[in-house]
Amino acid sequence: MPAYANRAGKAVLFFQDKAKFKARYATLGFNDTANLDDGELWATAFALKEMTPAAEAKISALVKKAAR
């Protein structure tokens, strides 16, 4: 599965295709090197049923935050 790294070369993001795993949705996940910390509890993976403009905007914001 594809993964994406930050400027330091550390993988921060991965994608799991729903077709490959015969799942209902794709998974977009973040490794512990991503800068998504938000208090004591935050999501590290998201289900993606369909790529819409709204979903694309949310993903873009998360990727920018993760890659800092």
C-alpha atoms as a PDB file:
ATOM      1  CA  MET A   1       0.000   0.000   0.000  1.00  0.00           C
ATOM      2  CA  PRO A   2       1.271   3.482  -0.692  1.00  0.00           C
ATOM      3  CA  ALA A   3       2.701   5.541   2.135  1.00  0.00           C
ATOM      4  CA  TYR A   4       3.818   9.144   2.195  1.00  0.00           C
ATOM      5  CA  ALA A   5       6.685  10.710   4.132  1.00  0.00           C
ATOM      6  CA  ASN A   6       7.322  14.071   5.768  1.00  0.00           C
ATOM      7  CA  ARG A   7      10.387  16.225   5.050  1.00  0.00           C
ATOM      8  CA  ALA A   8      12.439  14.153   7.476  1.00  0.00           C
ATOM      9  CA  GLY A   9      11.699  11.024   5.430  1.00  0.00           C
ATOM     10  CA  LYS A  10       9.447   9.473   8.080  1.00  0.00           C
ATOM     11  CA  ALA A  11       6.243   7.834   6.833  1.00  0.00           C
ATOM     12  CA  VAL A  12       3.244   9.757   8.138  1.00  0.00           C
ATOM     13  CA  LEU A  13       0.367   8.578   5.944  1.00  0.00           C
ATOM     14  CA  PHE A  14      -0.804   5.320   4.405  1.00  0.00           C
ATOM     15  CA  PHE A  15      -3.729   4.286   2.216  1.00  0.00           C
ATOM     16  CA  GLN A  16      -5.439   0.890   2.055  1.00  0.00           C
ATOM     17  CA  ASP A  17      -7.567   0.318  -1.031  1.00  0.00           C
ATOM     18  CA  LYS A  18     -10.999  -1.185  -0.397  1.00  0.00           C
ATOM     19  CA  ALA A  19     -10.808  -3.408  -3.499  1.00  0.00           C
ATOM     20  CA  LYS A  20      -7.534  -5.032  -2.440  1.00  0.00           C
ATOM     21  CA  PHE A  21      -8.973  -6.015   0.947  1.00  0.00           C
ATOM     22  CA  LYS A  22     -12.541  -6.586  -0.303  1.00  0.00           C
ATOM     23  CA  ALA A  23     -13.741  -4.065   2.256  1.00  0.00           C
ATOM     24  CA  ARG A  24     -16.691  -1.692   2.328  1.00  0.00           C
ATOM     25  CA  TYR A  25     -14.426   1.354   2.495  1.00  0.00           C
ATOM     26  CA  ALA A  26     -10.840   2.455   1.917  1.00  0.00           C
ATOM     27  CA  THR A  27      -8.723   3.394   4.912  1.00  0.00           C
ATOM     28  CA  LEU A  28      -6.628   6.529   5.218  1.00  0.00           C
ATOM     29  CA  GLY A  29      -4.332   6.250   8.212  1.00  0.00           C
ATOM     30  CA  PHE A  30      -1.610   8.197   9.959  1.00  0.00           C
ATOM     31  CA  ASN A  31       1.485   6.849  11.711  1.00  0.00           C
ATOM     32  CA  ASP A  32       2.694   8.105  15.081  1.00  0.00           C
ATOM     33  CA  THR A  33       5.154  10.417  13.279  1.00  0.00           C
ATOM     34  CA  ALA A  34       2.218  12.502  12.010  1.00  0.00           C
ATOM     35  CA  ASN A  35       1.566  15.727  13.902  1.00  0.00           C
ATOM     36  CA  LEU A  36      -2.116  15.098  14.565  1.00  0.00           C
ATOM     37  CA  ASP A  37      -1.997  15.184  18.359  1.00  0.00           C
ATOM     38  CA  ASP A  38      -5.113  16.841  19.737  1.00  0.00           C
ATOM     39  CA  GLY A  39      -5.201  16.580  23.512  1.00  0.00           C
ATOM     40  CA  GLU A  40      -5.394  13.099  24.989  1.00  0.00           C
ATOM     41  CA  LEU A  41      -7.403  11.409  22.230  1.00  0.00           C
ATOM     42  CA  TRP A  42      -7.419  11.756  18.432  1.00  0.00           C
ATOM     43  CA  ALA A  43      -8.180   9.647  15.374  1.00  0.00           C
ATOM     44  CA  THR A  44      -5.324   7.971  13.502  1.00  0.00           C
ATOM     45  CA  ALA A  45      -7.367   6.308  10.738  1.00  0.00           C
ATOM     46  CA  PHE A  46     -10.391   7.278   8.691  1.00  0.00           C
ATOM     47  CA  ALA A  47     -12.833   5.317   6.552  1.00  0.00           C
ATOM     48  CA  LEU A  48     -13.321   6.710   3.048  1.00  0.00           C
ATOM     49  CA  LYS A  49     -16.388   5.527   1.150  1.00  0.00           C
ATOM     50  CA  GLU A  50     -16.265   8.067  -1.656  1.00  0.00           C
ATOM     51  CA  MET A  51     -13.920  10.853  -2.727  1.00  0.00           C
ATOM     52  CA  THR A  52     -16.011  14.015  -2.714  1.00  0.00           C
ATOM     53  CA  PRO A  53     -14.832  17.642  -2.728  1.00  0.00           C
ATOM     54  CA  ALA A  54     -15.600  17.843   1.015  1.00  0.00           C
ATOM     55  CA  ALA A  55     -13.644  14.652   1.758  1.00  0.00           C
ATOM     56  CA  GLU A  56     -10.768  15.881  -0.394  1.00  0.00           C
ATOM     57  CA  ALA A  57     -10.638  19.151   1.569  1.00  0.00           C
ATOM     58  CA  LYS A  58     -10.578  17.273   4.910  1.00  0.00           C
ATOM     59  CA  ILE A  59      -7.829  14.945   3.668  1.00  0.00           C
ATOM     60  CA  SER A  60      -5.784  17.876   2.390  1.00  0.00           C
ATOM     61  CA  ALA A  61      -6.006  19.622   5.772  1.00  0.00           C
ATOM     62  CA  LEU A  62      -5.019  16.447   7.655  1.00  0.00           C
ATOM     63  CA  VAL A  63      -2.059  15.788   5.335  1.00  0.00           C
ATOM     64  CA  LYS A  64      -0.781  19.343   5.730  1.00  0.00           C
ATOM     65  CA  LYS A  65      -1.039  19.054   9.508  1.00  0.00           C
ATOM     66  CA  ALA A  66       0.583  15.602   9.559  1.00  0.00           C
ATOM     67  CA  ALA A  67       3.539  16.651   7.433  1.00  0.00           C
ATOM     68  CA  ARG A  68       4.564  19.623   9.623  1.00  0.00           C
END
